[in-house]
PDB file of all heavy atoms in Angstrom:
ATOM      1  N   VAL A   1      24.241  46.118 -27.898  1.00  0.00           N
ATOM      2  CA  VAL A   1      24.114  47.172 -26.842  1.00  0.00           C
ATOM      3  C   VAL A   1      23.416  46.463 -25.685  1.00  0.00           C
ATOM      4  O   VAL A   1      22.643  45.609 -25.796  1.00  0.00           O
ATOM      5  CB  VAL A   1      23.136  48.301 -27.367  1.00  0.00           C
ATOM      6  CG1 VAL A   1      23.098  49.435 -26.446  1.00  0.00           C
ATOM      7  CG2 VAL A   1      23.512  48.746 -28.743  1.00  0.00           C
ATOM      8  N   PHE A   2      23.853  46.973 -24.517  1.00  0.00           N
ATOM      9  CA  PHE A   2      23.133  46.525 -23.299  1.00  0.00           C
ATOM     10  C   PHE A   2      22.714  47.781 -22.482  1.00  0.00           C
ATOM     11  O   PHE A   2      23.325  48.835 -22.542  1.00  0.00           O
ATOM     12  CB  PHE A   2      23.974  45.553 -22.408  1.00  0.00           C
ATOM     13  CG  PHE A   2      25.071  46.167 -21.728  1.00  0.00           C
ATOM     14  CD1 PHE A   2      24.996  46.820 -20.494  1.00  0.00           C
ATOM     15  CD2 PHE A   2      26.331  46.150 -22.351  1.00  0.00           C
ATOM     16  CE1 PHE A   2      26.115  47.413 -19.914  1.00  0.00           C
ATOM     17  CE2 PHE A   2      27.476  46.721 -21.719  1.00  0.00           C
ATOM     18  CZ  PHE A   2      27.340  47.382 -20.476  1.00  0.00           C
ATOM     19  N   MET A   3      21.579  47.633 -21.800  1.00  0.00           N
ATOM     20  CA  MET A   3      21.132  48.635 -20.850  1.00  0.00           C
ATOM     21  C   MET A   3      20.393  48.079 -19.751  1.00  0.00           C
ATOM     22  O   MET A   3      19.543  47.225 -20.028  1.00  0.00           O
ATOM     23  CB  MET A   3      20.283  49.714 -21.607  1.00  0.00           C
ATOM     24  CG  MET A   3      19.774  50.779 -20.719  1.00  0.00           C
ATOM     25  SD  MET A   3      18.758  52.028 -21.608  1.00  0.00           S
ATOM     26  CE  MET A   3      17.448  51.060 -22.156  1.00  0.00           C
ATOM     27  N   THR A   4      20.600  48.508 -18.544  1.00  0.00           N
ATOM     28  CA  THR A   4      19.794  48.060 -17.397  1.00  0.00           C
ATOM     29  C   THR A   4      19.191  49.249 -16.745  1.00  0.00           C
ATOM     30  O   THR A   4      19.889  50.203 -16.385  1.00  0.00           O
ATOM     31  CB  THR A   4      20.675  47.293 -16.365  1.00  0.00           C
ATOM     32  OG1 THR A   4      21.260  46.131 -17.016  1.00  0.00           O
ATOM     33  CG2 THR A   4      19.812  46.785 -15.159  1.00  0.00           C
ATOM     34  N   TYR A   5      17.916  49.255 -16.532  1.00  0.00           N
ATOM     35  CA  TYR A   5      17.182  50.266 -15.762  1.00  0.00           C
ATOM     36  C   TYR A   5      17.550  50.066 -14.240  1.00  0.00           C
ATOM     37  O   TYR A   5      17.348  48.934 -13.775  1.00  0.00           O
ATOM     38  CB  TYR A   5      15.729  50.229 -15.953  1.00  0.00           C
ATOM     39  CG  TYR A   5      15.272  50.456 -17.388  1.00  0.00           C
ATOM     40  CD1 TYR A   5      14.753  49.382 -18.138  1.00  0.00           C
ATOM     41  CD2 TYR A   5      15.366  51.771 -17.981  1.00  0.00           C
ATOM     42  CE1 TYR A   5      14.426  49.633 -19.497  1.00  0.00           C
ATOM     43  CE2 TYR A   5      15.021  51.943 -19.227  1.00  0.00           C
ATOM     44  CZ  TYR A   5      14.519  50.967 -20.039  1.00  0.00           C
ATOM     45  OH  TYR A   5      14.111  51.160 -21.389  1.00  0.00           O
ATOM     46  N   LEU A   6      17.978  51.091 -13.535  1.00  0.00           N
ATOM     47  CA  LEU A   6      18.347  50.976 -12.211  1.00  0.00           C
ATOM     48  C   LEU A   6      17.305  51.480 -11.263  1.00  0.00           C
ATOM     49  O   LEU A   6      17.418  51.378 -10.020  1.00  0.00           O
ATOM     50  CB  LEU A   6      19.719  51.749 -11.956  1.00  0.00           C
ATOM     51  CG  LEU A   6      20.855  51.256 -12.817  1.00  0.00           C
ATOM     52  CD1 LEU A   6      22.126  52.086 -12.478  1.00  0.00           C
ATOM     53  CD2 LEU A   6      21.098  49.723 -12.591  1.00  0.00           C
ATOM     54  N   ASN A   7      16.165  51.938 -11.743  1.00  0.00           N
ATOM     55  CA  ASN A   7      15.019  52.348 -10.888  1.00  0.00           C
ATOM     56  C   ASN A   7      13.809  52.179 -11.809  1.00  0.00           C
ATOM     57  O   ASN A   7      13.900  52.116 -12.976  1.00  0.00           O
ATOM     58  CB  ASN A   7      15.183  53.689 -10.338  1.00  0.00           C
ATOM     59  CG  ASN A   7      15.286  54.783 -11.303  1.00  0.00           C
ATOM     60  OD1 ASN A   7      15.849  54.669 -12.445  1.00  0.00           O
ATOM     61  ND2 ASN A   7      14.766  56.038 -10.935  1.00  0.00           N
ATOM     62  N   THR A   8      12.653  52.140 -11.132  1.00  0.00           N
ATOM     63  CA  THR A   8      11.383  51.953 -11.834  1.00  0.00           C
ATOM     64  C   THR A   8      10.634  53.234 -11.894  1.00  0.00           C
ATOM     65  O   THR A   8      10.577  54.007 -10.898  1.00  0.00           O
ATOM     66  CB  THR A   8      10.466  50.953 -11.083  1.00  0.00           C
ATOM     67  OG1 THR A   8      11.149  49.642 -11.088  1.00  0.00           O
ATOM     68  CG2 THR A   8       9.100  50.771 -11.766  1.00  0.00           C
ATOM     69  N   LEU A   9      10.270  53.658 -13.167  1.00  0.00           N
ATOM     70  CA  LEU A   9       9.524  54.905 -13.360  1.00  0.00           C
ATOM     71  C   LEU A   9       8.463  54.693 -14.461  1.00  0.00           C
ATOM     72  O   LEU A   9       8.753  53.925 -15.434  1.00  0.00           O
ATOM     73  CB  LEU A   9      10.466  55.955 -13.896  1.00  0.00           C
ATOM     74  CG  LEU A   9      11.524  56.632 -12.891  1.00  0.00           C
ATOM     75  CD1 LEU A   9      12.401  57.606 -13.718  1.00  0.00           C
ATOM     76  CD2 LEU A   9      10.811  57.253 -11.836  1.00  0.00           C
ATOM     77  N   ASP A  10       7.359  55.397 -14.303  1.00  0.00           N
ATOM     78  CA  ASP A  10       6.449  55.461 -15.375  1.00  0.00           C
ATOM     79  C   ASP A  10       6.946  56.466 -16.442  1.00  0.00           C
ATOM     80  O   ASP A  10       7.676  57.436 -16.027  1.00  0.00           O
ATOM     81  CB  ASP A  10       5.014  55.898 -14.828  1.00  0.00           C
ATOM     82  CG  ASP A  10       4.393  54.821 -14.005  1.00  0.00           C
ATOM     83  OD1 ASP A  10       4.580  53.635 -14.314  1.00  0.00           O
ATOM     84  OD2 ASP A  10       3.472  55.213 -13.130  1.00  0.00           O
ATOM     85  N   LYS A  11       6.571  56.283 -17.621  1.00  0.00           N
ATOM     86  CA  LYS A  11       6.874  57.312 -18.695  1.00  0.00           C
ATOM     87  C   LYS A  11       8.443  57.555 -18.704  1.00  0.00           C
ATOM     88  O   LYS A  11       8.853  58.714 -18.689  1.00  0.00           O
ATOM     89  CB  LYS A  11       6.125  58.521 -18.519  1.00  0.00           C
ATOM     90  CG  LYS A  11       4.690  58.381 -18.519  1.00  0.00           C
ATOM     91  CD  LYS A  11       3.996  59.737 -18.355  1.00  0.00           C
ATOM     92  CE  LYS A  11       2.480  59.495 -18.140  1.00  0.00           C
ATOM     93  NZ  LYS A  11       1.799  60.632 -17.466  1.00  0.00           N
ATOM     94  N   ALA A  12       9.179  56.492 -18.784  1.00  0.00           N
ATOM     95  CA  ALA A  12      10.678  56.685 -18.764  1.00  0.00           C
ATOM     96  C   ALA A  12      11.461  55.540 -19.492  1.00  0.00           C
ATOM     97  O   ALA A  12      12.625  55.397 -19.278  1.00  0.00           O
ATOM     98  CB  ALA A  12      11.136  56.828 -17.328  1.00  0.00           C
ATOM     99  N   GLY A  13      10.695  54.750 -20.321  1.00  0.00           N
ATOM    100  CA  GLY A  13      11.404  53.670 -20.923  1.00  0.00           C
ATOM    101  C   GLY A  13      12.197  54.094 -22.146  1.00  0.00           C
ATOM    102  O   GLY A  13      12.750  55.167 -22.190  1.00  0.00           O
ATOM    103  N   THR A  14      12.282  53.273 -23.162  1.00  0.00           N
ATOM    104  CA  THR A  14      13.061  53.486 -24.371  1.00  0.00           C
ATOM    105  C   THR A  14      12.083  53.204 -25.524  1.00  0.00           C
ATOM    106  O   THR A  14      11.456  52.140 -25.530  1.00  0.00           O
ATOM    107  CB  THR A  14      14.266  52.620 -24.327  1.00  0.00           C
ATOM    108  OG1 THR A  14      15.029  52.869 -23.237  1.00  0.00           O
ATOM    109  CG2 THR A  14      15.106  52.892 -25.665  1.00  0.00           C
ATOM    110  N   GLU A  15      12.033  54.079 -26.527  1.00  0.00           N
ATOM    111  CA  GLU A  15      11.282  53.934 -27.705  1.00  0.00           C
ATOM    112  C   GLU A  15      12.171  53.337 -28.852  1.00  0.00           C
ATOM    113  O   GLU A  15      13.249  53.923 -29.014  1.00  0.00           O
ATOM    114  CB  GLU A  15      10.719  55.214 -28.203  1.00  0.00           C
ATOM    115  CG  GLU A  15       9.602  55.814 -27.394  1.00  0.00           C
ATOM    116  CD  GLU A  15       9.156  57.188 -28.116  1.00  0.00           C
ATOM    117  OE1 GLU A  15       8.305  57.010 -28.900  1.00  0.00           O
ATOM    118  OE2 GLU A  15       9.742  58.216 -27.745  1.00  0.00           O
ATOM    119  N   PHE A  16      11.689  52.270 -29.506  1.00  0.00           N
ATOM    120  CA  PHE A  16      12.456  51.696 -30.605  1.00  0.00           C
ATOM    121  C   PHE A  16      11.555  52.010 -31.906  1.00  0.00           C
ATOM    122  O   PHE A  16      10.475  51.560 -31.960  1.00  0.00           O
ATOM    123  CB  PHE A  16      12.635  50.138 -30.455  1.00  0.00           C
ATOM    124  CG  PHE A  16      13.669  49.891 -29.441  1.00  0.00           C
ATOM    125  CD1 PHE A  16      13.338  49.716 -28.113  1.00  0.00           C
ATOM    126  CD2 PHE A  16      15.045  49.758 -29.875  1.00  0.00           C
ATOM    127  CE1 PHE A  16      14.352  49.490 -27.194  1.00  0.00           C
ATOM    128  CE2 PHE A  16      16.037  49.478 -28.954  1.00  0.00           C
ATOM    129  CZ  PHE A  16      15.681  49.392 -27.583  1.00  0.00           C
ATOM    130  N   TYR A  17      12.155  52.786 -32.809  1.00  0.00           N
ATOM    131  CA  TYR A  17      11.432  53.276 -33.918  1.00  0.00           C
ATOM    132  C   TYR A  17      10.893  52.140 -34.868  1.00  0.00           C
ATOM    133  O   TYR A  17       9.659  52.138 -35.108  1.00  0.00           O
ATOM    134  CB  TYR A  17      12.417  54.172 -34.728  1.00  0.00           C
ATOM    135  CG  TYR A  17      11.746  54.887 -35.875  1.00  0.00           C
ATOM    136  CD1 TYR A  17      10.926  56.017 -35.698  1.00  0.00           C
ATOM    137  CD2 TYR A  17      11.811  54.354 -37.147  1.00  0.00           C
ATOM    138  CE1 TYR A  17      10.372  56.650 -36.808  1.00  0.00           C
ATOM    139  CE2 TYR A  17      11.179  54.997 -38.215  1.00  0.00           C
ATOM    140  CZ  TYR A  17      10.465  56.137 -38.034  1.00  0.00           C
ATOM    141  OH  TYR A  17       9.840  56.737 -39.083  1.00  0.00           O
ATOM    142  N   HIS A  18      11.748  51.353 -35.368  1.00  0.00           N
ATOM    143  CA  HIS A  18      11.266  50.320 -36.376  1.00  0.00           C
ATOM    144  C   HIS A  18      10.494  49.187 -35.771  1.00  0.00           C
ATOM    145  O   HIS A  18       9.666  48.590 -36.478  1.00  0.00           O
ATOM    146  CB  HIS A  18      12.484  49.799 -37.153  1.00  0.00           C
ATOM    147  CG  HIS A  18      13.216  50.782 -37.992  1.00  0.00           C
ATOM    148  ND1 HIS A  18      12.672  51.312 -39.144  1.00  0.00           N
ATOM    149  CD2 HIS A  18      14.369  51.432 -37.803  1.00  0.00           C
ATOM    150  CE1 HIS A  18      13.496  52.187 -39.621  1.00  0.00           C
ATOM    151  NE2 HIS A  18      14.551  52.280 -38.910  1.00  0.00           N
ATOM    152  N   GLN A  19      10.685  48.999 -34.491  1.00  0.00           N
ATOM    153  CA  GLN A  19       9.916  47.860 -33.778  1.00  0.00           C
ATOM    154  C   GLN A  19       8.562  48.351 -33.332  1.00  0.00           C
ATOM    155  O   GLN A  19       7.841  47.533 -32.833  1.00  0.00           O
ATOM    156  CB  GLN A  19      10.737  47.353 -32.690  1.00  0.00           C
ATOM    157  CG  GLN A  19      11.938  46.497 -33.147  1.00  0.00           C
ATOM    158  CD  GLN A  19      13.090  47.399 -33.732  1.00  0.00           C
ATOM    159  OE1 GLN A  19      13.192  48.542 -33.421  1.00  0.00           O
ATOM    160  NE2 GLN A  19      13.950  46.779 -34.461  1.00  0.00           N
ATOM    161  N   ASP A  20       8.362  49.720 -33.348  1.00  0.00           N
ATOM    162  CA  ASP A  20       7.103  50.284 -32.877  1.00  0.00           C
ATOM    163  C   ASP A  20       6.852  49.831 -31.389  1.00  0.00           C
ATOM    164  O   ASP A  20       5.766  49.298 -31.080  1.00  0.00           O
ATOM    165  CB  ASP A  20       5.916  49.989 -33.755  1.00  0.00           C
ATOM    166  CG  ASP A  20       4.759  50.828 -33.448  1.00  0.00           C
ATOM    167  OD1 ASP A  20       4.888  51.970 -32.925  1.00  0.00           O
ATOM    168  OD2 ASP A  20       3.575  50.367 -33.715  1.00  0.00           O
ATOM    169  N   LEU A  21       7.913  49.881 -30.606  1.00  0.00           N
ATOM    170  CA  LEU A  21       7.877  49.356 -29.231  1.00  0.00           C
ATOM    171  C   LEU A  21       8.474  50.390 -28.274  1.00  0.00           C
ATOM    172  O   LEU A  21       9.513  51.069 -28.604  1.00  0.00           O
ATOM    173  CB  LEU A  21       8.863  48.093 -29.294  1.00  0.00           C
ATOM    174  CG  LEU A  21       9.175  47.406 -27.964  1.00  0.00           C
ATOM    175  CD1 LEU A  21       7.953  46.769 -27.332  1.00  0.00           C
ATOM    176  CD2 LEU A  21      10.308  46.388 -28.153  1.00  0.00           C
ATOM    177  N   THR A  22       7.910  50.457 -27.094  1.00  0.00           N
ATOM    178  CA  THR A  22       8.443  51.168 -25.938  1.00  0.00           C
ATOM    179  C   THR A  22       8.715  50.197 -24.858  1.00  0.00           C
ATOM    180  O   THR A  22       7.726  49.595 -24.398  1.00  0.00           O
ATOM    181  CB  THR A  22       7.515  52.295 -25.543  1.00  0.00           C
ATOM    182  OG1 THR A  22       7.276  53.259 -26.646  1.00  0.00           O
ATOM    183  CG2 THR A  22       8.144  53.160 -24.356  1.00  0.00           C
ATOM    184  N   THR A  23       9.884  50.066 -24.358  1.00  0.00           N
ATOM    185  CA  THR A  23      10.252  49.181 -23.298  1.00  0.00           C
ATOM    186  C   THR A  23       9.929  49.948 -21.986  1.00  0.00           C
ATOM    187  O   THR A  23      10.172  51.130 -21.830  1.00  0.00           O
ATOM    188  CB  THR A  23      11.682  48.771 -23.355  1.00  0.00           C
ATOM    189  OG1 THR A  23      12.496  49.847 -23.245  1.00  0.00           O
ATOM    190  CG2 THR A  23      12.009  47.997 -24.597  1.00  0.00           C
ATOM    191  N   PRO A  24       9.471  49.177 -20.992  1.00  0.00           N
ATOM    192  CA  PRO A  24       9.240  49.830 -19.739  1.00  0.00           C
ATOM    193  C   PRO A  24      10.435  50.062 -18.887  1.00  0.00           C
ATOM    194  O   PRO A  24      11.431  49.288 -18.975  1.00  0.00           O
ATOM    195  CB  PRO A  24       8.257  48.773 -18.972  1.00  0.00           C
ATOM    196  CG  PRO A  24       8.711  47.513 -19.548  1.00  0.00           C
ATOM    197  CD  PRO A  24       9.164  47.756 -21.012  1.00  0.00           C
ATOM    198  N   CYS A  25      10.427  51.158 -18.035  1.00  0.00           N
ATOM    199  CA  CYS A  25      11.640  51.414 -17.188  1.00  0.00           C
ATOM    200  C   CYS A  25      11.320  50.727 -15.847  1.00  0.00           C
ATOM    201  O   CYS A  25      10.634  51.261 -15.000  1.00  0.00           O
ATOM    202  CB  CYS A  25      11.738  52.932 -17.050  1.00  0.00           C
ATOM    203  SG  CYS A  25      13.033  53.443 -15.988  1.00  0.00           S
ATOM    204  N   ILE A  26      11.793  49.421 -15.768  1.00  0.00           N
ATOM    205  CA  ILE A  26      11.566  48.625 -14.517  1.00  0.00           C
ATOM    206  C   ILE A  26      12.876  48.276 -13.962  1.00  0.00           C
ATOM    207  O   ILE A  26      13.728  47.749 -14.697  1.00  0.00           O
ATOM    208  CB  ILE A  26      10.745  47.366 -14.895  1.00  0.00           C
ATOM    209  CG1 ILE A  26       9.434  47.712 -15.410  1.00  0.00           C
ATOM    210  CG2 ILE A  26      10.609  46.564 -13.673  1.00  0.00           C
ATOM    211  CD1 ILE A  26       8.623  46.480 -15.967  1.00  0.00           C
ATOM    212  N   LYS A  27      13.084  48.586 -12.707  1.00  0.00           N
ATOM    213  CA  LYS A  27      14.389  48.249 -12.020  1.00  0.00           C
ATOM    214  C   LYS A  27      14.787  46.843 -12.267  1.00  0.00           C
ATOM    215  O   LYS A  27      14.059  45.881 -12.021  1.00  0.00           O
ATOM    216  CB  LYS A  27      14.235  48.477 -10.524  1.00  0.00           C
ATOM    217  CG  LYS A  27      15.537  48.363  -9.827  1.00  0.00           C
ATOM    218  CD  LYS A  27      15.418  48.351  -8.298  1.00  0.00           C
ATOM    219  CE  LYS A  27      15.333  49.612  -7.664  1.00  0.00           C
ATOM    220  NZ  LYS A  27      15.420  49.600  -6.215  1.00  0.00           N
ATOM    221  N   GLY A  28      15.936  46.663 -12.822  1.00  0.00           N
ATOM    222  CA  GLY A  28      16.607  45.361 -13.012  1.00  0.00           C
ATOM    223  C   GLY A  28      16.389  44.865 -14.458  1.00  0.00           C
ATOM    224  O   GLY A  28      17.155  43.937 -14.913  1.00  0.00           O
ATOM    225  N   LEU A  29      15.448  45.450 -15.200  1.00  0.00           N
ATOM    226  CA  LEU A  29      15.284  44.948 -16.575  1.00  0.00           C
ATOM    227  C   LEU A  29      16.552  45.278 -17.332  1.00  0.00           C
ATOM    228  O   LEU A  29      16.856  46.539 -17.583  1.00  0.00           O
ATOM    229  CB  LEU A  29      14.050  45.659 -17.228  1.00  0.00           C
ATOM    230  CG  LEU A  29      13.765  45.228 -18.689  1.00  0.00           C
ATOM    231  CD1 LEU A  29      13.639  43.782 -18.928  1.00  0.00           C
ATOM    232  CD2 LEU A  29      12.529  46.025 -19.161  1.00  0.00           C
ATOM    233  N   THR A  30      17.094  44.272 -17.935  1.00  0.00           N
ATOM    234  CA  THR A  30      18.390  44.427 -18.705  1.00  0.00           C
ATOM    235  C   THR A  30      18.006  44.084 -20.114  1.00  0.00           C
ATOM    236  O   THR A  30      17.609  42.922 -20.425  1.00  0.00           O
ATOM    237  CB  THR A  30      19.450  43.475 -18.157  1.00  0.00           C
ATOM    238  OG1 THR A  30      19.673  43.780 -16.829  1.00  0.00           O
ATOM    239  CG2 THR A  30      20.664  43.574 -18.906  1.00  0.00           C
ATOM    240  N   LEU A  31      18.218  44.997 -21.047  1.00  0.00           N
ATOM    241  CA  LEU A  31      17.973  44.850 -22.475  1.00  0.00           C
ATOM    242  C   LEU A  31      19.212  44.579 -23.147  1.00  0.00           C
ATOM    243  O   LEU A  31      20.299  45.259 -22.897  1.00  0.00           O
ATOM    244  CB  LEU A  31      17.251  46.079 -22.982  1.00  0.00           C
ATOM    245  CG  LEU A  31      15.994  46.611 -22.325  1.00  0.00           C
ATOM    246  CD1 LEU A  31      15.537  47.895 -22.953  1.00  0.00           C
ATOM    247  CD2 LEU A  31      14.889  45.504 -22.429  1.00  0.00           C
ATOM    248  N   ILE A  32      19.125  43.782 -24.221  1.00  0.00           N
ATOM    249  CA  ILE A  32      20.284  43.606 -25.142  1.00  0.00           C
ATOM    250  C   ILE A  32      19.631  43.720 -26.535  1.00  0.00           C
ATOM    251  O   ILE A  32      18.614  43.028 -26.848  1.00  0.00           O
ATOM    252  CB  ILE A  32      21.011  42.275 -24.940  1.00  0.00           C
ATOM    253  CG1 ILE A  32      21.567  42.185 -23.523  1.00  0.00           C
ATOM    254  CG2 ILE A  32      22.041  42.018 -26.001  1.00  0.00           C
ATOM    255  CD1 ILE A  32      22.256  40.900 -23.191  1.00  0.00           C
ATOM    256  N   TRP A  33      20.339  44.423 -27.486  1.00  0.00           N
ATOM    257  CA  TRP A  33      19.840  44.517 -28.809  1.00  0.00           C
ATOM    258  C   TRP A  33      20.990  44.817 -29.805  1.00  0.00           C
ATOM    259  O   TRP A  33      22.044  45.230 -29.321  1.00  0.00           O
ATOM    260  CB  TRP A  33      18.682  45.543 -28.916  1.00  0.00           C
ATOM    261  CG  TRP A  33      19.200  47.062 -28.757  1.00  0.00           C
ATOM    262  CD1 TRP A  33      19.582  47.826 -29.759  1.00  0.00           C
ATOM    263  CD2 TRP A  33      19.181  47.767 -27.543  1.00  0.00           C
ATOM    264  NE1 TRP A  33      19.787  49.087 -29.231  1.00  0.00           N
ATOM    265  CE2 TRP A  33      19.602  49.115 -27.882  1.00  0.00           C
ATOM    266  CE3 TRP A  33      18.887  47.540 -26.249  1.00  0.00           C
ATOM    267  CZ2 TRP A  33      19.741  50.011 -26.920  1.00  0.00           C
ATOM    268  CZ3 TRP A  33      18.982  48.523 -25.303  1.00  0.00           C
ATOM    269  CH2 TRP A  33      19.492  49.738 -25.650  1.00  0.00           C
ATOM    270  N   PRO A  34      20.765  44.609 -31.080  1.00  0.00           N
ATOM    271  CA  PRO A  34      21.771  44.918 -32.019  1.00  0.00           C
ATOM    272  C   PRO A  34      22.077  46.428 -32.143  1.00  0.00           C
ATOM    273  O   PRO A  34      21.226  47.300 -31.921  1.00  0.00           O
ATOM    274  CB  PRO A  34      21.139  44.456 -33.460  1.00  0.00           C
ATOM    275  CG  PRO A  34      20.164  43.441 -32.989  1.00  0.00           C
ATOM    276  CD  PRO A  34      19.582  43.913 -31.701  1.00  0.00           C
ATOM    277  N   SER A  35      23.289  46.794 -32.515  1.00  0.00           N
ATOM    278  CA  SER A  35      23.669  48.240 -32.450  1.00  0.00           C
ATOM    279  C   SER A  35      23.388  49.002 -33.655  1.00  0.00           C
ATOM    280  O   SER A  35      23.581  50.219 -33.750  1.00  0.00           O
ATOM    281  CB  SER A  35      25.217  48.256 -32.149  1.00  0.00           C
ATOM    282  OG  SER A  35      25.947  47.701 -33.216  1.00  0.00           O
ATOM    283  N   ALA A  36      22.896  48.285 -34.783  1.00  0.00           N
ATOM    284  CA  ALA A  36      22.737  48.930 -36.023  1.00  0.00           C
ATOM    285  C   ALA A  36      21.489  49.786 -36.194  1.00  0.00           C
ATOM    286  O   ALA A  36      20.707  49.863 -35.272  1.00  0.00           O
ATOM    287  CB  ALA A  36      22.714  47.833 -37.158  1.00  0.00           C
TER     288      ALA A  36
END
């Protein structure tokens, strides 16, 4: 999967359940991760 945030916002990232991680919503940040 890929996703790029197109604007910067507080409290607007993505939560990953098993990784116990919330990615920040920062303009230009492009994430890639497994689809499973």
